[in-house]
């Protein structure tokens, strides 16, 4: 049976704005490796739309990027991508699928039929899935930055505390700390 891993970049003050962190070859290589370890991606509509506006252009060679970003884009192109949305049903990006119906049931079904696990990359959706008790693992790339603004991790969307066990941590050469936690 698969598992659900929530992975996100976060600053020291909890900001999850993708424009704030250190987006270098090392962080992209980390996320590419993490994506390789999972069988599918899961996003909310907003994250999907942000991704579909950029990464297919990178994969097609229309945007010149360093090799680490190209590697991510090429692998993401073929990776099954599932999107939760009540506002949109058509997701034309290669290998993208609408995950509809009751969130608890549809997400659990996706997790169960994906033996390598599902990688979740949307903050608001993560809060909903966390409330349902479906997140098994949390992968935070903690950036040595105090943003002072922006969306916050779980942004007041959780009703009670989560206690996690640190499974592994790694300091990247750019000062980012990769922390891997599991629910207790």
Protein backbone atom coordinates (compact mmCIF):
# COMPACT_ATOMS: atom_id res chain seq x y z
CA UNK A 1 0.00 0.00 0.00
CA UNK A 2 1.21 3.49 -0.81
CA UNK A 3 1.70 6.47 1.44
CA UNK A 4 1.22 10.23 1.23
CA UNK A 5 4.22 12.53 1.61
CA UNK A 6 3.80 16.29 1.90
CA UNK A 7 6.89 18.17 0.67
CA UNK A 8 7.35 21.92 0.60
CA UNK A 9 9.89 24.71 0.83
CA UNK A 10 9.52 26.82 3.96
CA UNK A 11 11.45 29.76 5.41
CA UNK A 12 12.43 30.08 9.07
CA UNK A 13 9.31 32.16 9.72
CA UNK A 14 7.01 29.67 7.98
CA UNK A 15 6.61 31.37 4.59
CA UNK A 16 5.81 28.94 1.76
CA UNK A 17 5.88 31.43 -1.13
CA UNK A 18 7.78 29.60 -3.88
CA UNK A 19 9.50 32.85 -4.94
CA UNK A 20 11.25 33.33 -1.58
CA UNK A 21 13.41 30.23 -1.15
CA UNK A 22 16.76 29.26 -2.61
CA UNK A 23 15.90 27.79 -6.02
CA UNK A 24 19.28 26.45 -7.03
CA UNK A 25 20.51 23.21 -8.59
CA UNK A 26 20.83 21.51 -5.21
CA UNK A 27 17.24 22.15 -4.08
CA UNK A 28 15.89 21.15 -7.49
CA UNK A 29 17.97 17.97 -7.45
CA UNK A 30 16.57 17.19 -3.98
CA UNK A 31 12.99 17.53 -5.21
CA UNK A 32 13.73 15.58 -8.40
CA UNK A 33 15.06 12.71 -6.32
CA UNK A 34 12.03 12.91 -4.04
CA UNK A 35 9.71 12.86 -7.06
CA UNK A 36 11.57 9.81 -8.41
CA UNK A 37 10.84 7.99 -5.14
CA UNK A 38 7.07 8.48 -5.57
CA UNK A 39 4.60 7.16 -8.11
CA UNK A 40 2.42 10.26 -8.54
CA UNK A 41 2.10 13.96 -7.74
CA UNK A 42 -0.94 15.51 -6.03
CA UNK A 43 -1.76 19.22 -6.19
CA UNK A 44 -4.59 21.66 -5.71
CA UNK A 45 -5.76 23.68 -8.70
CA UNK A 46 -3.72 26.79 -7.86
CA UNK A 47 -0.44 24.87 -7.63
CA UNK A 48 -1.25 22.90 -10.78
CA UNK A 49 -1.92 26.11 -12.73
CA UNK A 50 1.31 27.67 -11.50
CA UNK A 51 3.23 24.55 -12.54
CA UNK A 52 1.52 24.10 -15.93
CA UNK A 53 2.35 27.67 -16.91
CA UNK A 54 6.10 27.09 -16.61
CA UNK A 55 7.39 23.51 -16.50
CA UNK A 56 6.04 22.24 -19.85
CA UNK A 57 7.84 25.16 -21.52
CA UNK A 58 11.07 24.15 -19.77
CA UNK A 59 10.61 20.50 -20.79
CA UNK A 60 10.04 21.49 -24.41
CA UNK A 61 13.23 23.57 -24.50
CA UNK A 62 11.41 26.88 -24.97
CA UNK A 63 13.00 28.22 -21.78
CA UNK A 64 16.73 27.85 -21.26
CA UNK A 65 17.48 26.60 -17.73
CA UNK A 66 20.30 24.85 -15.84
CA UNK A 67 20.47 21.05 -16.10
CA UNK A 68 18.93 20.44 -12.64
CA UNK A 69 15.78 22.34 -13.63
CA UNK A 70 15.61 20.58 -16.98
CA UNK A 71 15.90 17.21 -15.21
CA UNK A 72 13.00 18.14 -12.92
CA UNK A 73 10.90 19.38 -15.85
CA UNK A 74 11.50 16.28 -17.99
CA UNK A 75 10.61 13.88 -15.19
CA UNK A 76 7.61 15.96 -14.14
CA UNK A 77 6.35 15.89 -17.73
CA UNK A 78 5.79 12.12 -17.58
CA UNK A 79 4.92 11.75 -13.88
CA UNK A 80 1.21 11.11 -13.19
CA UNK A 81 -0.24 14.35 -11.82
CA UNK A 82 -3.54 14.43 -9.91
CA UNK A 83 -5.39 17.66 -9.28
CA UNK A 84 -8.10 18.41 -6.72
CA UNK A 85 -10.41 21.14 -7.98
CA UNK A 86 -14.05 22.10 -7.73
CA UNK A 87 -13.59 24.90 -10.28
CA UNK A 88 -11.89 23.11 -13.15
CA UNK A 89 -12.21 19.67 -14.73
CA UNK A 90 -9.94 19.84 -17.77
CA UNK A 91 -6.21 19.39 -17.13
CA UNK A 92 -4.44 19.15 -20.51
CA UNK A 93 -0.83 18.96 -19.30
CA UNK A 94 0.66 15.57 -20.11
CA UNK A 95 -0.45 12.76 -17.76
CA UNK A 96 -2.68 15.04 -15.62
CA UNK A 97 -5.90 13.79 -14.06
CA UNK A 98 -8.79 15.33 -12.14
CA UNK A 99 -9.24 13.88 -8.65
CA UNK A 100 -12.91 14.53 -7.94
CA UNK A 101 -15.61 13.42 -5.55
CA UNK A 102 -15.30 13.18 -1.79
CA UNK A 103 -11.73 14.24 -0.93
CA UNK A 104 -11.19 11.63 1.79
CA UNK A 105 -12.34 8.79 -0.45
CA UNK A 106 -10.65 9.92 -3.67
CA UNK A 107 -7.33 10.71 -1.98
CA UNK A 108 -7.32 7.43 -0.04
CA UNK A 109 -8.09 5.50 -3.24
CA UNK A 110 -5.22 7.25 -5.06
CA UNK A 111 -2.82 6.49 -2.20
CA UNK A 112 -3.86 2.83 -2.08
CA UNK A 113 -3.44 2.30 -5.82
CA UNK A 114 -0.02 4.00 -5.94
CA UNK A 115 2.44 1.54 -4.33
CA UNK A 116 5.42 3.93 -4.55
CA UNK A 117 3.40 6.60 -2.78
CA UNK A 118 2.01 10.02 -3.65
CA UNK A 119 3.96 13.27 -3.34
CA UNK A 120 1.78 16.21 -2.27
CA UNK A 121 2.95 19.74 -3.01
CA UNK A 122 0.09 22.13 -2.18
CA UNK A 123 -0.20 23.93 1.15
CA UNK A 124 -3.96 24.41 1.43
CA UNK A 125 -4.66 20.90 0.16
CA UNK A 126 -2.10 19.57 2.64
CA UNK A 127 -4.02 21.19 5.49
CA UNK A 128 -7.24 19.48 4.34
CA UNK A 129 -5.56 16.10 3.95
CA UNK A 130 -3.79 16.50 7.29
CA UNK A 131 -7.15 17.15 8.98
CA UNK A 132 -8.33 13.86 7.45
CA UNK A 133 -5.29 12.07 8.88
CA UNK A 134 -4.00 11.06 5.45
CA UNK A 135 -0.47 12.52 5.50
CA UNK A 136 2.09 9.93 6.55
CA UNK A 137 5.30 11.86 6.01
CA UNK A 138 6.39 15.50 5.93
CA UNK A 139 9.45 16.65 3.96
CA UNK A 140 10.37 20.25 4.67
CA UNK A 141 13.20 22.10 2.98
CA UNK A 142 13.86 24.78 5.57
CA UNK A 143 15.51 27.81 3.97
CA UNK A 144 17.80 30.11 5.98
CA UNK A 145 15.59 33.10 5.22
CA UNK A 146 13.16 35.20 7.25
CA UNK A 147 10.65 36.32 4.65
CA UNK A 148 8.46 38.55 6.81
CA UNK A 149 5.50 38.03 4.48
CA UNK A 150 3.62 35.56 2.37
CA UNK A 151 1.51 32.49 2.88
CA UNK A 152 2.39 30.50 6.00
CA UNK A 153 2.71 26.76 6.43
CA UNK A 154 -0.82 25.50 7.19
CA UNK A 155 -1.88 29.17 7.65
CA UNK A 156 -4.26 28.73 10.63
CA UNK A 157 -6.03 25.86 8.86
CA UNK A 158 -5.27 23.16 11.45
CA UNK A 159 -7.44 22.86 14.54
CA UNK A 160 -4.90 21.16 16.81
CA UNK A 161 -1.18 20.42 17.09
CA UNK A 162 0.63 17.68 15.21
CA UNK A 163 3.39 15.73 16.91
CA UNK A 164 5.98 14.40 14.51
CA UNK A 165 9.06 12.20 14.76
CA UNK A 166 12.23 13.35 13.02
CA UNK A 167 13.37 10.47 10.81
CA UNK A 168 16.24 12.13 9.01
CA UNK A 169 17.80 15.53 8.42
CA UNK A 170 20.42 16.74 6.00
CA UNK A 171 22.18 20.06 5.64
CA UNK A 172 22.58 21.11 2.02
CA UNK A 173 25.62 23.14 0.97
CA UNK A 174 23.40 26.20 0.37
CA UNK A 175 22.35 26.30 4.05
CA UNK A 176 18.98 24.67 3.49
CA UNK A 177 18.04 21.90 5.91
CA UNK A 178 16.08 18.97 4.52
CA UNK A 179 13.99 17.52 7.37
CA UNK A 180 11.98 14.33 7.08
CA UNK A 181 9.25 13.77 9.69
CA UNK A 182 6.59 11.09 10.23
CA UNK A 183 3.40 11.31 12.24
CA UNK A 184 3.68 9.89 15.73
